[in-house]
Amino acid sequence: MGHMSWGHAVSRDLLRWEHLPLALAEEDGVMIFSGSAVVDWKNTSGFGKDVNMADFRDPKVFWHEATRRWVMVLALSAEKKVHFYTSENLRQWKYVGEFGGAHFKADSDATLWADYGADFYAGVSWSDAPKADGRRVWLGGMRNWQYAQDVPTNPWRSAMTVPRTLALRRTPGGLRLVQQPVAELLKLRQPAPRKFPGVTAKSAFSIGLHTGKDEVTTIACDTAHSRLAVDRTRSGRVDFHKDFPARHEAPLRLADGRVTLRLLVDTSSLEVFAQDGETTLTELIFPTPGPRSLSIQADGEVPRVGAIAIHGL
C-alpha cells in the first residue's frame, strides 16, 4: 500500500481543524487496518443472497427522527473483492429500513449510491456533539483506491470532504438520503458575492469550470433523461493513471422542471450538490494553478437560469 499513516484532528466549529499526533504511525512493511473495518461474516443483517458478504464494510447506522426510519450506510466493493483496500471501485451504498440492534430490515431491495462521484470513500459520521445540536454529520475521504497511490500531490495525498449534514427526504420514488454542507460553511463566505442575472432552460445544458489552456471540468445536466454528470477528462492533470480521466453520471430528480446546483470548488476537488443535496458527486481534479472562469452552454434552447452567485471562501 506504500507509505501510509492514520491522522488525527479535532474541531470545535467544523471549519478549523487542529492536527494532533498521528493515531497510527507508518510502519514499513505493515498493513494498517482500522477497527471500524467491520465485515458481517455471519450475515446477521440478512443481506447477501447473491453477494459475498465480505463485500460489506464499515457499516454505519443512524436514526432519522422526522421520518422514523433507520439508515444504514456502508462501503461495498463493486468488484466483489474481499480485501478492504483492493476494490477497484469502492463507493458508499445506502439502505433505508428498520433496525433492531443486530438485524437490519430494508424497505426494499433497491440500493442507491450515497455519492455518485469517484472520490467519496469511507465516510466518518458522528452525532451528539453536543446532543442539543441534533444533527447527524459526516465527511468522507476524497480518494479512490484505483489511483490513490498515484495522484500528483506531495507530500500529502487526498483530503477530506467538507462536513455534511445527513437527513432523509420523501420523494415519489421513496425515501432518499440528502446531504448538505454544514451551515457553518456560510461563515467563510466573503461578504459580497459575484451575482449574475438569469438567462432560463428546459433542454440539456452544461456548466464548464475553466482553468489552464484547453482545461475544463464539465457538469452536464440532461433534463430529458434526468441525469447529471461530471466530466473530468480535460480537467487538468489526468495522465497519471488510466482510470482517472472519466465521466461519472448520477440520477437527477427534477422538481417542477427546475434544477438547483451548489458547487464547492477547491484547489484539487469539486463537490456537487444537486437538488438541495438529493444528488451528490465528489471528484478530485488537478487543474493548472491560476485564474478560473465559468461558462454555461446548451444544445438547442438557451437555458433559463434564475440566478448565479459565486462566493469566495
C-alpha atoms as a PDB file:
ATOM      1  CA  MET A   1       0.000   0.000   0.000  1.00  0.00           C
ATOM      2  CA  GLY A   2       3.008   2.334   0.090  1.00  0.00           C
ATOM      3  CA  HIS A   3       3.690   4.911   2.792  1.00  0.00           C
ATOM      4  CA  MET A   4       0.610   5.388   4.970  1.00  0.00           C
ATOM      5  CA  SER A   5      -0.286   6.750   8.370  1.00  0.00           C
ATOM      6  CA  TRP A   6      -3.564   7.372  10.186  1.00  0.00           C
ATOM      7  CA  GLY A   7      -4.112  11.041  11.018  1.00  0.00           C
ATOM      8  CA  HIS A   8      -5.943  12.597  13.949  1.00  0.00           C
ATOM      9  CA  ALA A   9      -7.610  16.018  14.035  1.00  0.00           C
ATOM     10  CA  VAL A  10     -10.298  17.737  16.111  1.00  0.00           C
ATOM     11  CA  SER A  11     -12.516  20.751  15.526  1.00  0.00           C
ATOM     12  CA  ARG A  12     -14.878  22.870  17.615  1.00  0.00           C
ATOM     13  CA  ASP A  13     -16.611  24.557  14.668  1.00  0.00           C
ATOM     14  CA  LEU A  14     -16.279  22.044  11.758  1.00  0.00           C
ATOM     15  CA  LEU A  15     -14.230  24.661   9.898  1.00  0.00           C
ATOM     16  CA  ARG A  16     -10.866  24.890  11.634  1.00  0.00           C
ATOM     17  CA  TRP A  17      -9.079  21.669  12.473  1.00  0.00           C
ATOM     18  CA  GLU A  18      -6.309  21.099  14.981  1.00  0.00           C
ATOM     19  CA  HIS A  19      -3.931  18.386  13.866  1.00  0.00           C
ATOM     20  CA  LEU A  20      -2.890  16.096  16.708  1.00  0.00           C
ATOM     21  CA  PRO A  21      -0.215  13.387  16.810  1.00  0.00           C
ATOM     22  CA  LEU A  22      -0.874  10.507  14.437  1.00  0.00           C
ATOM     23  CA  ALA A  23      -3.370   7.940  15.597  1.00  0.00           C
ATOM     24  CA  LEU A  24      -1.398   5.223  13.790  1.00  0.00           C
ATOM     25  CA  ALA A  25       2.100   5.970  12.559  1.00  0.00           C
ATOM     26  CA  GLU A  26       3.619   4.471   9.442  1.00  0.00           C
ATOM     27  CA  GLU A  27       5.279   1.117   9.875  1.00  0.00           C
ATOM     28  CA  ASP A  28       7.220  -0.097   6.872  1.00  0.00           C
ATOM     29  CA  GLY A  29       6.019  -3.429   5.610  1.00  0.00           C
ATOM     30  CA  VAL A  30       2.933  -3.454   7.844  1.00  0.00           C
ATOM     31  CA  MET A  31      -0.626  -3.053   6.601  1.00  0.00           C
ATOM     32  CA  ILE A  32      -2.750  -0.700   8.684  1.00  0.00           C
ATOM     33  CA  PHE A  33      -6.330  -1.743   9.334  1.00  0.00           C
ATOM     34  CA  SER A  34      -8.993   0.180  11.225  1.00  0.00           C
ATOM     35  CA  GLY A  35     -11.100  -1.422  13.909  1.00  0.00           C
ATOM     36  CA  SER A  36     -14.102   0.076  12.130  1.00  0.00           C
ATOM     37  CA  ALA A  37     -13.493  -2.007   9.006  1.00  0.00           C
ATOM     38  CA  VAL A  38     -16.230  -4.413  10.019  1.00  0.00           C
ATOM     39  CA  VAL A  39     -17.148  -7.437   7.936  1.00  0.00           C
ATOM     40  CA  ASP A  40     -20.513  -9.109   8.506  1.00  0.00           C
ATOM     41  CA  TRP A  41     -19.198 -12.629   8.010  1.00  0.00           C
ATOM     42  CA  LYS A  42     -22.295 -14.247   9.564  1.00  0.00           C
ATOM     43  CA  ASN A  43     -24.738 -12.134   7.540  1.00  0.00           C
ATOM     44  CA  THR A  44     -26.634 -11.040  10.658  1.00  0.00           C
ATOM     45  CA  SER A  45     -28.232  -8.223   8.662  1.00  0.00           C
ATOM     46  CA  GLY A  46     -29.899 -10.614   6.253  1.00  0.00           C
ATOM     47  CA  PHE A  47     -28.242  -9.245   3.117  1.00  0.00           C
ATOM     48  CA  GLY A  48     -26.155 -11.086   0.627  1.00  0.00           C
ATOM     49  CA  LYS A  49     -28.252 -13.757  -1.108  1.00  0.00           C
ATOM     50  CA  ASP A  50     -26.379 -13.037  -4.314  1.00  0.00           C
ATOM     51  CA  VAL A  51     -23.425 -11.167  -2.853  1.00  0.00           C
ATOM     52  CA  ASN A  52     -20.327 -12.213  -0.944  1.00  0.00           C
ATOM     53  CA  MET A  53     -20.908 -10.698   2.483  1.00  0.00           C
ATOM     54  CA  ALA A  54     -17.227  -9.924   2.765  1.00  0.00           C
ATOM     55  CA  ASP A  55     -18.001  -7.044   0.404  1.00  0.00           C
ATOM     56  CA  PHE A  56     -19.986  -5.173   3.063  1.00  0.00           C
ATOM     57  CA  ARG A  57     -17.629  -2.936   5.013  1.00  0.00           C
ATOM     58  CA  ASP A  58     -17.697  -0.336   7.755  1.00  0.00           C
ATOM     59  CA  PRO A  59     -21.495  -0.130   8.232  1.00  0.00           C
ATOM     60  CA  LYS A  60     -22.935   2.981   9.870  1.00  0.00           C
ATOM     61  CA  VAL A  61     -26.497   3.045  11.145  1.00  0.00           C
ATOM     62  CA  PHE A  62     -28.343   6.163  12.271  1.00  0.00           C
ATOM     63  CA  TRP A  63     -31.889   7.117  13.210  1.00  0.00           C
ATOM     64  CA  HIS A  64     -33.797   9.888  11.399  1.00  0.00           C
ATOM     65  CA  GLU A  65     -36.470  11.189  13.757  1.00  0.00           C
ATOM     66  CA  ALA A  66     -38.549  13.120  11.182  1.00  0.00           C
ATOM     67  CA  THR A  67     -39.290  10.001   9.117  1.00  0.00           C
ATOM     68  CA  ARG A  68     -38.936   7.483  11.972  1.00  0.00           C
ATOM     69  CA  ARG A  69     -36.568   5.428   9.864  1.00  0.00           C
ATOM     70  CA  TRP A  70     -33.110   3.903  10.236  1.00  0.00           C
ATOM     71  CA  VAL A  71     -30.464   4.449   7.584  1.00  0.00           C
ATOM     72  CA  MET A  72     -27.504   2.135   7.069  1.00  0.00           C
ATOM     73  CA  VAL A  73     -24.591   3.411   5.029  1.00  0.00           C
ATOM     74  CA  LEU A  74     -21.772   1.053   4.090  1.00  0.00           C
ATOM     75  CA  ALA A  75     -18.959   0.628   1.642  1.00  0.00           C
ATOM     76  CA  LEU A  76     -19.405  -2.053  -0.994  1.00  0.00           C
ATOM     77  CA  SER A  77     -16.908  -3.424  -3.457  1.00  0.00           C
ATOM     78  CA  ALA A  78     -18.342  -3.334  -6.959  1.00  0.00           C
ATOM     79  CA  GLU A  79     -15.701  -5.858  -7.950  1.00  0.00           C
ATOM     80  CA  LYS A  80     -16.738  -8.252  -5.144  1.00  0.00           C
ATOM     81  CA  LYS A  81     -13.136  -8.410  -3.899  1.00  0.00           C
ATOM     82  CA  VAL A  82     -12.673  -9.382  -0.279  1.00  0.00           C
ATOM     83  CA  HIS A  83      -9.634  -7.360   0.746  1.00  0.00           C
ATOM     84  CA  PHE A  84     -10.556  -3.987   2.198  1.00  0.00           C
ATOM     85  CA  TYR A  85      -8.157  -1.939   0.112  1.00  0.00           C
ATOM     86  CA  THR A  86      -8.121  -3.774  -3.221  1.00  0.00           C
ATOM     87  CA  SER A  87     -11.578  -2.924  -4.506  1.00  0.00           C
ATOM     88  CA  GLU A  88     -11.472  -1.413  -7.966  1.00  0.00           C
ATOM     89  CA  ASN A  89     -14.477   0.818  -7.435  1.00  0.00           C
ATOM     90  CA  LEU A  90     -15.455   1.459  -3.819  1.00  0.00           C
ATOM     91  CA  ARG A  91     -18.276   3.883  -3.195  1.00  0.00           C
ATOM     92  CA  GLN A  92     -20.858   4.285  -0.444  1.00  0.00           C
ATOM     93  CA  TRP A  93     -24.152   2.372  -0.732  1.00  0.00           C
ATOM     94  CA  LYS A  94     -27.211   3.354   1.237  1.00  0.00           C
ATOM     95  CA  TYR A  95     -30.189   1.363   2.527  1.00  0.00           C
ATOM     96  CA  VAL A  96     -33.258   2.738   4.282  1.00  0.00           C
ATOM     97  CA  GLY A  97     -35.182   0.496   6.655  1.00  0.00           C
ATOM     98  CA  GLU A  98     -35.803  -0.766  10.182  1.00  0.00           C
ATOM     99  CA  PHE A  99     -33.106  -1.673  12.682  1.00  0.00           C
ATOM    100  CA  GLY A 100     -33.467  -3.741  15.844  1.00  0.00           C
ATOM    101  CA  GLY A 101     -29.901  -3.593  17.074  1.00  0.00           C
ATOM    102  CA  ALA A 102     -28.485  -6.559  15.158  1.00  0.00           C
ATOM    103  CA  HIS A 103     -30.753  -7.259  12.174  1.00  0.00           C
ATOM    104  CA  PHE A 104     -31.432  -4.587   9.571  1.00  0.00           C
ATOM    105  CA  LYS A 105     -34.611  -4.989   7.501  1.00  0.00           C
ATOM    106  CA  ALA A 106     -34.512  -2.875   4.348  1.00  0.00           C
ATOM    107  CA  ASP A 107     -37.662  -1.268   2.975  1.00  0.00           C
ATOM    108  CA  SER A 108     -36.875  -2.624  -0.482  1.00  0.00           C
ATOM    109  CA  ASP A 109     -34.151  -4.327  -2.464  1.00  0.00           C
ATOM    110  CA  ALA A 110     -33.265  -1.021  -4.135  1.00  0.00           C
ATOM    111  CA  THR A 111     -29.691   0.021  -3.457  1.00  0.00           C
ATOM    112  CA  LEU A 112     -28.631   3.616  -4.021  1.00  0.00           C
ATOM    113  CA  TRP A 113     -25.313   5.420  -4.053  1.00  0.00           C
ATOM    114  CA  ALA A 114     -24.780   7.954  -1.332  1.00  0.00           C
ATOM    115  CA  ASP A 115     -22.333   9.779  -3.639  1.00  0.00           C
ATOM    116  CA  TYR A 116     -22.049   9.197  -7.383  1.00  0.00           C
ATOM    117  CA  GLY A 117     -18.610  10.714  -7.857  1.00  0.00           C
ATOM    118  CA  ALA A 118     -15.378   8.741  -7.991  1.00  0.00           C
ATOM    119  CA  ASP A 119     -13.828  10.124  -4.823  1.00  0.00           C
ATOM    120  CA  PHE A 120     -16.101   9.788  -1.813  1.00  0.00           C
ATOM    121  CA  TYR A 121     -14.843   6.970   0.385  1.00  0.00           C
ATOM    122  CA  ALA A 122     -15.048   5.640   3.955  1.00  0.00           C
ATOM    123  CA  GLY A 123     -17.432   8.252   5.350  1.00  0.00           C
ATOM    124  CA  VAL A 124     -16.904   9.091   9.037  1.00  0.00           C
ATOM    125  CA  SER A 125     -20.066  10.122  10.878  1.00  0.00           C
ATOM    126  CA  TRP A 126     -20.918  11.437  14.317  1.00  0.00           C
ATOM    127  CA  SER A 127     -23.792  12.914  16.290  1.00  0.00           C
ATOM    128  CA  ASP A 128     -24.492  14.323  19.778  1.00  0.00           C
ATOM    129  CA  ALA A 129     -21.633  16.768  19.535  1.00  0.00           C
ATOM    130  CA  PRO A 130     -23.259  18.251  21.522  1.00  0.00           C
ATOM    131  CA  LYS A 131     -26.514  16.304  21.875  1.00  0.00           C
ATOM    132  CA  ALA A 132     -28.550  19.518  21.747  1.00  0.00           C
ATOM    133  CA  ASP A 133     -27.249  20.089  18.215  1.00  0.00           C
ATOM    134  CA  GLY A 134     -29.351  17.221  16.897  1.00  0.00           C
ATOM    135  CA  ARG A 135     -27.556  16.826  13.572  1.00  0.00           C
ATOM    136  CA  ARG A 136     -26.002  13.749  12.012  1.00  0.00           C
ATOM    137  CA  VAL A 137     -22.782  14.946  10.360  1.00  0.00           C
ATOM    138  CA  TRP A 138     -20.288  13.056   8.239  1.00  0.00           C
ATOM    139  CA  LEU A 139     -17.358  13.602   5.927  1.00  0.00           C
ATOM    140  CA  GLY A 140     -15.589  11.320   3.507  1.00  0.00           C
ATOM    141  CA  GLY A 141     -12.087  10.798   2.227  1.00  0.00           C
ATOM    142  CA  MET A 142     -11.611  12.177  -1.280  1.00  0.00           C
ATOM    143  CA  ARG A 143      -9.722   9.260  -2.758  1.00  0.00           C
ATOM    144  CA  ASN A 144     -10.213   6.174  -4.865  1.00  0.00           C
ATOM    145  CA  TRP A 145      -8.007   3.121  -4.496  1.00  0.00           C
ATOM    146  CA  GLN A 146      -7.798   2.720  -8.261  1.00  0.00           C
ATOM    147  CA  TYR A 147      -5.290   5.582  -8.311  1.00  0.00           C
ATOM    148  CA  ALA A 148      -4.861   6.712  -4.700  1.00  0.00           C
ATOM    149  CA  GLN A 149      -1.134   5.911  -4.767  1.00  0.00           C
ATOM    150  CA  ASP A 150      -0.593   7.864  -7.991  1.00  0.00           C
ATOM    151  CA  VAL A 151      -2.298  11.232  -7.531  1.00  0.00           C
ATOM    152  CA  PRO A 152       0.145  14.055  -8.388  1.00  0.00           C
ATOM    153  CA  THR A 153       0.430  15.673  -4.949  1.00  0.00           C
ATOM    154  CA  ASN A 154       3.252  15.778  -2.413  1.00  0.00           C
ATOM    155  CA  PRO A 155       3.881  15.235   0.491  1.00  0.00           C
ATOM    156  CA  TRP A 156       0.203  14.529   1.193  1.00  0.00           C
ATOM    157  CA  ARG A 157      -2.333  12.606  -0.842  1.00  0.00           C
ATOM    158  CA  SER A 158      -6.050  13.304  -0.875  1.00  0.00           C
ATOM    159  CA  ALA A 159      -8.109  15.299   1.620  1.00  0.00           C
ATOM    160  CA  MET A 160     -11.444  15.110   3.408  1.00  0.00           C
ATOM    161  CA  THR A 161     -14.693  16.493   2.033  1.00  0.00           C
ATOM    162  CA  VAL A 162     -16.393  19.369   3.780  1.00  0.00           C
ATOM    163  CA  PRO A 163     -18.528  18.133   6.686  1.00  0.00           C
ATOM    164  CA  ARG A 164     -22.086  17.374   5.563  1.00  0.00           C
ATOM    165  CA  THR A 165     -25.370  17.013   7.390  1.00  0.00           C
ATOM    166  CA  LEU A 166     -27.404  13.876   6.664  1.00  0.00           C
ATOM    167  CA  ALA A 167     -31.182  13.610   6.516  1.00  0.00           C
ATOM    168  CA  LEU A 168     -33.953  11.769   4.675  1.00  0.00           C
ATOM    169  CA  ARG A 169     -36.369  13.266   2.174  1.00  0.00           C
ATOM    170  CA  ARG A 170     -39.622  11.751   0.928  1.00  0.00           C
ATOM    171  CA  THR A 171     -39.786  11.568  -2.871  1.00  0.00           C
ATOM    172  CA  PRO A 172     -42.140   9.825  -5.321  1.00  0.00           C
ATOM    173  CA  GLY A 173     -39.512   7.080  -5.545  1.00  0.00           C
ATOM    174  CA  GLY A 174     -39.301   6.635  -1.784  1.00  0.00           C
ATOM    175  CA  LEU A 175     -37.044   7.990   0.946  1.00  0.00           C
ATOM    176  CA  ARG A 176     -33.747   9.418  -0.255  1.00  0.00           C
ATOM    177  CA  LEU A 177     -30.599  10.377   1.603  1.00  0.00           C
ATOM    178  CA  VAL A 178     -29.935  14.127   1.478  1.00  0.00           C
ATOM    179  CA  GLN A 179     -26.551  15.712   2.113  1.00  0.00           C
ATOM    180  CA  GLN A 180     -25.818  19.394   2.599  1.00  0.00           C
ATOM    181  CA  PRO A 181     -22.602  21.204   3.515  1.00  0.00           C
ATOM    182  CA  VAL A 182     -22.834  22.164   7.189  1.00  0.00           C
ATOM    183  CA  ALA A 183     -24.304  25.610   7.825  1.00  0.00           C
ATOM    184  CA  GLU A 184     -21.035  26.685   9.464  1.00  0.00           C
ATOM    185  CA  LEU A 185     -19.507  26.864   5.992  1.00  0.00           C
ATOM    186  CA  LEU A 186     -21.534  30.026   5.322  1.00  0.00           C
ATOM    187  CA  LYS A 187     -19.362  31.838   7.861  1.00  0.00           C
ATOM    188  CA  LEU A 188     -16.412  31.539   5.485  1.00  0.00           C
ATOM    189  CA  ARG A 189     -18.160  33.304   2.626  1.00  0.00           C
ATOM    190  CA  GLN A 190     -16.750  36.647   1.608  1.00  0.00           C
ATOM    191  CA  PRO A 191     -19.257  39.456   2.221  1.00  0.00           C
ATOM    192  CA  ALA A 192     -20.013  40.394  -1.396  1.00  0.00           C
ATOM    193  CA  PRO A 193     -20.735  37.506  -3.771  1.00  0.00           C
ATOM    194  CA  ARG A 194     -20.478  37.949  -7.531  1.00  0.00           C
ATOM    195  CA  LYS A 195     -24.026  37.799  -8.867  1.00  0.00           C
ATOM    196  CA  PHE A 196     -25.193  37.374 -12.423  1.00  0.00           C
ATOM    197  CA  PRO A 197     -28.639  37.967 -13.947  1.00  0.00           C
ATOM    198  CA  GLY A 198     -30.624  34.948 -15.068  1.00  0.00           C
ATOM    199  CA  VAL A 199     -30.823  33.505 -18.559  1.00  0.00           C
ATOM    200  CA  THR A 200     -33.508  30.427 -18.399  1.00  0.00           C
ATOM    201  CA  ALA A 201     -33.894  26.188 -19.681  1.00  0.00           C
ATOM    202  CA  LYS A 202     -35.743  23.030 -20.335  1.00  0.00           C
ATOM    203  CA  SER A 203     -33.136  21.392 -22.532  1.00  0.00           C
ATOM    204  CA  ALA A 204     -29.791  19.811 -21.749  1.00  0.00           C
ATOM    205  CA  PHE A 205     -27.121  22.228 -20.572  1.00  0.00           C
ATOM    206  CA  SER A 206     -23.635  22.133 -19.135  1.00  0.00           C
ATOM    207  CA  ILE A 207     -21.515  24.238 -16.813  1.00  0.00           C
ATOM    208  CA  GLY A 208     -17.805  24.486 -17.517  1.00  0.00           C
ATOM    209  CA  LEU A 209     -15.133  25.238 -14.918  1.00  0.00           C
ATOM    210  CA  HIS A 210     -12.186  26.522 -16.974  1.00  0.00           C
ATOM    211  CA  THR A 211      -8.577  26.750 -15.790  1.00  0.00           C
ATOM    212  CA  GLY A 212      -5.451  26.415 -17.963  1.00  0.00           C
ATOM    213  CA  LYS A 213      -5.410  26.349 -21.747  1.00  0.00           C
ATOM    214  CA  ASP A 214      -7.979  23.852 -23.031  1.00  0.00           C
ATOM    215  CA  GLU A 215      -8.689  22.690 -19.454  1.00  0.00           C
ATOM    216  CA  VAL A 216     -12.310  22.350 -18.386  1.00  0.00           C
ATOM    217  CA  THR A 217     -14.273  20.319 -15.862  1.00  0.00           C
ATOM    218  CA  THR A 218     -17.830  19.928 -17.115  1.00  0.00           C
ATOM    219  CA  ILE A 219     -21.025  19.464 -15.093  1.00  0.00           C
ATOM    220  CA  ALA A 220     -23.640  18.275 -17.606  1.00  0.00           C
ATOM    221  CA  CYS A 221     -27.384  18.195 -16.928  1.00  0.00           C
ATOM    222  CA  ASP A 222     -29.647  16.127 -19.205  1.00  0.00           C
ATOM    223  CA  THR A 223     -33.157  17.115 -18.168  1.00  0.00           C
ATOM    224  CA  ALA A 224     -34.814  14.892 -20.783  1.00  0.00           C
ATOM    225  CA  HIS A 225     -33.284  11.766 -19.225  1.00  0.00           C
ATOM    226  CA  SER A 226     -32.999  13.032 -15.631  1.00  0.00           C
ATOM    227  CA  ARG A 227     -29.239  12.617 -15.490  1.00  0.00           C
ATOM    228  CA  LEU A 228     -26.385  14.679 -14.063  1.00  0.00           C
ATOM    229  CA  ALA A 229     -22.727  14.032 -14.888  1.00  0.00           C
ATOM    230  CA  VAL A 230     -19.245  15.311 -14.124  1.00  0.00           C
ATOM    231  CA  ASP A 231     -16.688  15.004 -16.915  1.00  0.00           C
ATOM    232  CA  ARG A 232     -13.079  15.466 -15.793  1.00  0.00           C
ATOM    233  CA  THR A 233     -11.357  14.029 -18.872  1.00  0.00           C
ATOM    234  CA  ARG A 234      -9.944  17.513 -19.649  1.00  0.00           C
ATOM    235  CA  SER A 235      -9.844  18.848 -16.095  1.00  0.00           C
ATOM    236  CA  GLY A 236      -6.064  19.353 -15.968  1.00  0.00           C
ATOM    237  CA  ARG A 237      -3.514  16.733 -14.996  1.00  0.00           C
ATOM    238  CA  VAL A 238      -5.194  13.442 -15.882  1.00  0.00           C
ATOM    239  CA  ASP A 239      -2.346  11.335 -17.284  1.00  0.00           C
ATOM    240  CA  PHE A 240      -1.037   9.870 -14.019  1.00  0.00           C
ATOM    241  CA  HIS A 241      -3.390   6.860 -14.152  1.00  0.00           C
ATOM    242  CA  LYS A 242      -5.506   5.314 -16.904  1.00  0.00           C
ATOM    243  CA  ASP A 243      -8.648   5.197 -14.723  1.00  0.00           C
ATOM    244  CA  PHE A 244      -8.609   8.848 -13.682  1.00  0.00           C
ATOM    245  CA  PRO A 245      -9.890  10.651 -16.812  1.00  0.00           C
ATOM    246  CA  ALA A 246     -13.560   9.672 -16.797  1.00  0.00           C
ATOM    247  CA  ARG A 247     -17.169  10.820 -16.832  1.00  0.00           C
ATOM    248  CA  HIS A 248     -19.418   9.891 -13.901  1.00  0.00           C
ATOM    249  CA  GLU A 249     -23.215  10.008 -14.048  1.00  0.00           C
ATOM    250  CA  ALA A 250     -25.959  10.252 -11.433  1.00  0.00           C
ATOM    251  CA  PRO A 251     -29.767  10.234 -11.438  1.00  0.00           C
ATOM    252  CA  LEU A 252     -31.398  13.646 -11.114  1.00  0.00           C
ATOM    253  CA  ARG A 253     -34.970  14.057  -9.912  1.00  0.00           C
ATOM    254  CA  LEU A 254     -36.495  17.171 -11.464  1.00  0.00           C
ATOM    255  CA  ALA A 255     -38.715  19.275  -9.221  1.00  0.00           C
ATOM    256  CA  ASP A 256     -41.175  21.337 -11.321  1.00  0.00           C
ATOM    257  CA  GLY A 257     -38.644  21.246 -14.127  1.00  0.00           C
ATOM    258  CA  ARG A 258     -36.107  23.110 -12.011  1.00  0.00           C
ATOM    259  CA  VAL A 259     -32.504  22.207 -11.322  1.00  0.00           C
ATOM    260  CA  THR A 260     -30.525  23.654  -8.414  1.00  0.00           C
ATOM    261  CA  LEU A 261     -26.779  23.164  -8.203  1.00  0.00           C
ATOM    262  CA  ARG A 262     -24.303  24.064  -5.490  1.00  0.00           C
ATOM    263  CA  LEU A 263     -20.651  23.592  -6.397  1.00  0.00           C
ATOM    264  CA  LEU A 264     -17.785  23.645  -3.908  1.00  0.00           C
ATOM    265  CA  VAL A 265     -14.560  24.121  -5.849  1.00  0.00           C
ATOM    266  CA  ASP A 266     -11.195  23.866  -4.112  1.00  0.00           C
ATOM    267  CA  THR A 267      -7.609  23.651  -5.361  1.00  0.00           C
ATOM    268  CA  SER A 268      -7.919  19.997  -6.334  1.00  0.00           C
ATOM    269  CA  SER A 269     -11.524  18.992  -5.703  1.00  0.00           C
ATOM    270  CA  LEU A 270     -15.101  19.530  -6.804  1.00  0.00           C
ATOM    271  CA  GLU A 271     -18.141  18.681  -4.667  1.00  0.00           C
ATOM    272  CA  VAL A 272     -21.500  18.881  -6.444  1.00  0.00           C
ATOM    273  CA  PHE A 273     -24.789  19.098  -4.522  1.00  0.00           C
ATOM    274  CA  ALA A 274     -27.846  18.963  -6.801  1.00  0.00           C
ATOM    275  CA  GLN A 275     -31.497  19.456  -5.900  1.00  0.00           C
ATOM    276  CA  ASP A 276     -30.658  20.688  -2.407  1.00  0.00           C
ATOM    277  CA  GLY A 277     -28.438  17.722  -1.671  1.00  0.00           C
ATOM    278  CA  GLU A 278     -30.534  14.904  -3.097  1.00  0.00           C
ATOM    279  CA  THR A 279     -27.787  14.000  -5.584  1.00  0.00           C
ATOM    280  CA  THR A 280     -24.076  14.449  -4.849  1.00  0.00           C
ATOM    281  CA  LEU A 281     -20.878  13.839  -6.794  1.00  0.00           C
ATOM    282  CA  THR A 282     -17.400  14.223  -5.306  1.00  0.00           C
ATOM    283  CA  GLU A 283     -14.452  14.407  -7.699  1.00  0.00           C
ATOM    284  CA  LEU A 284     -10.731  15.063  -7.452  1.00  0.00           C
ATOM    285  CA  ILE A 285      -9.363  17.374 -10.162  1.00  0.00           C
ATOM    286  CA  PHE A 286      -5.821  18.648 -10.744  1.00  0.00           C
ATOM    287  CA  PRO A 287      -6.090  21.814 -12.855  1.00  0.00           C
ATOM    288  CA  THR A 288      -3.294  24.229 -13.693  1.00  0.00           C
ATOM    289  CA  PRO A 289      -2.973  26.846 -10.913  1.00  0.00           C
ATOM    290  CA  GLY A 290      -4.239  30.280 -11.825  1.00  0.00           C
ATOM    291  CA  PRO A 291      -7.451  32.139 -12.693  1.00  0.00           C
ATOM    292  CA  ARG A 292     -10.654  30.200 -13.236  1.00  0.00           C
ATOM    293  CA  SER A 293     -13.727  31.040 -15.263  1.00  0.00           C
ATOM    294  CA  LEU A 294     -17.279  29.756 -15.586  1.00  0.00           C
ATOM    295  CA  SER A 295     -19.337  29.087 -18.709  1.00  0.00           C
ATOM    296  CA  ILE A 296     -22.849  27.808 -19.434  1.00  0.00           C
ATOM    297  CA  GLN A 297     -23.689  26.063 -22.697  1.00  0.00           C
ATOM    298  CA  ALA A 298     -26.734  24.342 -24.130  1.00  0.00           C
ATOM    299  CA  ASP A 299     -27.685  22.251 -27.123  1.00  0.00           C
ATOM    300  CA  GLY A 300     -30.650  23.939 -28.707  1.00  0.00           C
ATOM    301  CA  GLU A 301     -32.819  26.078 -26.444  1.00  0.00           C
ATOM    302  CA  VAL A 302     -30.997  28.693 -24.384  1.00  0.00           C
ATOM    303  CA  PRO A 303     -31.012  27.718 -20.700  1.00  0.00           C
ATOM    304  CA  ARG A 304     -33.071  29.751 -18.273  1.00  0.00           C
ATOM    305  CA  VAL A 305     -31.019  30.472 -15.171  1.00  0.00           C
ATOM    306  CA  GLY A 306     -32.779  32.152 -12.286  1.00  0.00           C
ATOM    307  CA  ALA A 307     -29.608  33.307 -10.521  1.00  0.00           C
ATOM    308  CA  ILE A 308     -25.908  32.613 -10.185  1.00  0.00           C
ATOM    309  CA  ALA A 309     -23.913  33.609  -7.129  1.00  0.00           C
ATOM    310  CA  ILE A 310     -20.184  32.997  -6.702  1.00  0.00           C
ATOM    311  CA  HIS A 311     -18.813  33.180  -3.160  1.00  0.00           C
ATOM    312  CA  GLY A 312     -15.152  33.272  -2.288  1.00  0.00           C
ATOM    313  CA  LEU A 313     -14.259  31.355   0.880  1.00  0.00           C
END
